[in-house]
């Protein structure tokens, strides 16, 4: 799973969001490190929708603009949980090696 897909799925946990809301949430989740461009966002949303991980919920007109809201599906939540566990495992392996490296470097 790509980092943008992981962050988009994470942004959709808890409530449906429209495109700009997803962009803002991804930026906040990544502490400003990831700033999705709209073209990238909709490419990710199209792929996640095709895979059944996200689905279109509704459209609303606000201030004369059409907003499409998306929500995470149960398979999407399961995929996100699996990816989070995989990443946590990799992070722990890296931390363990770094602890060993620090001990080796001070010996």
Protein backbone atom coordinates (compact mmCIF):
# COMPACT_ATOMS: atom_id res chain seq x y z
CA UNK A 1 0.00 0.00 0.00
CA UNK A 2 1.37 3.40 -0.92
CA UNK A 3 1.83 6.10 1.68
CA UNK A 4 -0.85 8.33 0.11
CA UNK A 5 -3.34 5.42 0.09
CA UNK A 6 -2.51 4.62 3.73
CA UNK A 7 -3.03 8.24 4.75
CA UNK A 8 -6.25 8.63 2.73
CA UNK A 9 -7.71 5.52 4.37
CA UNK A 10 -6.62 6.81 7.78
CA UNK A 11 -8.23 10.19 7.04
CA UNK A 12 -11.53 8.46 6.28
CA UNK A 13 -11.70 6.52 9.54
CA UNK A 14 -14.45 7.92 11.72
CA UNK A 15 -16.32 10.07 9.21
CA UNK A 16 -16.87 10.57 5.51
CA UNK A 17 -14.92 13.43 3.97
CA UNK A 18 -14.88 15.37 0.72
CA UNK A 19 -11.72 15.88 -1.33
CA UNK A 20 -10.45 19.05 0.30
CA UNK A 21 -11.27 17.64 3.75
CA UNK A 22 -9.18 14.56 2.94
CA UNK A 23 -6.27 16.73 1.75
CA UNK A 24 -6.35 18.74 4.99
CA UNK A 25 -6.63 15.63 7.17
CA UNK A 26 -3.71 13.93 5.39
CA UNK A 27 -1.61 17.04 5.89
CA UNK A 28 -2.49 17.07 9.59
CA UNK A 29 -1.90 13.32 10.03
CA UNK A 30 1.55 13.65 8.46
CA UNK A 31 2.49 16.81 10.37
CA UNK A 32 2.62 18.68 7.07
CA UNK A 33 5.04 16.26 5.46
CA UNK A 34 2.51 14.97 2.90
CA UNK A 35 0.57 17.53 0.91
CA UNK A 36 -1.60 15.73 -1.63
CA UNK A 37 -2.32 17.46 -4.89
CA UNK A 38 -5.94 17.14 -6.03
CA UNK A 39 -4.98 15.05 -9.08
CA UNK A 40 -3.04 12.64 -6.88
CA UNK A 41 -5.88 12.45 -4.36
CA UNK A 42 -8.49 11.55 -6.97
CA UNK A 43 -6.16 8.98 -8.52
CA UNK A 44 -5.77 7.35 -5.10
CA UNK A 45 -9.53 7.56 -4.45
CA UNK A 46 -10.29 5.99 -7.83
CA UNK A 47 -7.91 3.10 -7.12
CA UNK A 48 -9.20 2.58 -3.56
CA UNK A 49 -12.79 2.68 -4.85
CA UNK A 50 -12.00 0.12 -7.57
CA UNK A 51 -10.47 -2.13 -4.90
CA UNK A 52 -13.57 -1.79 -2.70
CA UNK A 53 -11.63 -0.10 0.13
CA UNK A 54 -13.44 3.25 -0.19
CA UNK A 55 -16.87 4.10 -1.50
CA UNK A 56 -18.65 7.20 -2.69
CA UNK A 57 -21.23 8.25 -0.11
CA UNK A 58 -22.95 11.41 -1.31
CA UNK A 59 -22.66 14.73 -3.10
CA UNK A 60 -23.50 18.11 -1.63
CA UNK A 61 -23.48 21.57 -3.12
CA UNK A 62 -21.78 24.08 -0.84
CA UNK A 63 -21.07 27.65 -1.91
CA UNK A 64 -21.95 26.73 -5.47
CA UNK A 65 -19.43 23.88 -5.60
CA UNK A 66 -20.15 20.18 -5.73
CA UNK A 67 -18.51 18.19 -2.96
CA UNK A 68 -18.22 14.42 -3.22
CA UNK A 69 -17.96 12.59 0.08
CA UNK A 70 -16.16 9.28 0.44
CA UNK A 71 -16.09 6.79 3.27
CA UNK A 72 -13.94 3.82 4.19
CA UNK A 73 -15.52 0.38 3.79
CA UNK A 74 -15.13 -2.59 6.13
CA UNK A 75 -12.59 -4.18 3.76
CA UNK A 76 -10.82 -0.80 3.71
CA UNK A 77 -10.65 -0.71 7.49
CA UNK A 78 -9.31 -4.28 7.52
CA UNK A 79 -6.67 -3.42 4.90
CA UNK A 80 -5.67 -0.32 6.87
CA UNK A 81 -5.37 -2.32 10.09
CA UNK A 82 -3.23 -4.95 8.35
CA UNK A 83 -0.96 -2.30 6.82
CA UNK A 84 -0.64 -0.48 10.15
CA UNK A 85 0.40 -3.76 11.82
CA UNK A 86 2.90 -4.48 9.03
CA UNK A 87 4.43 -1.01 9.32
CA UNK A 88 4.57 -1.27 13.12
CA UNK A 89 6.43 -4.55 12.78
CA UNK A 90 8.96 -3.00 10.43
CA UNK A 91 9.39 -0.01 12.73
CA UNK A 92 9.98 -2.27 15.73
CA UNK A 93 12.55 -4.32 13.80
CA UNK A 94 14.36 -1.11 12.87
CA UNK A 95 14.29 0.15 16.48
CA UNK A 96 15.66 -3.19 17.73
CA UNK A 97 18.50 -3.08 15.23
CA UNK A 98 19.27 0.52 16.10
CA UNK A 99 19.40 -0.35 19.80
CA UNK A 100 21.91 -3.08 18.93
CA UNK A 101 23.84 -0.69 16.73
CA UNK A 102 24.05 1.91 19.49
CA UNK A 103 25.26 -0.71 21.96
CA UNK A 104 27.82 -1.95 19.43
CA UNK A 105 28.98 1.59 18.66
CA UNK A 106 29.67 2.34 22.33
CA UNK A 107 31.52 -0.89 23.10
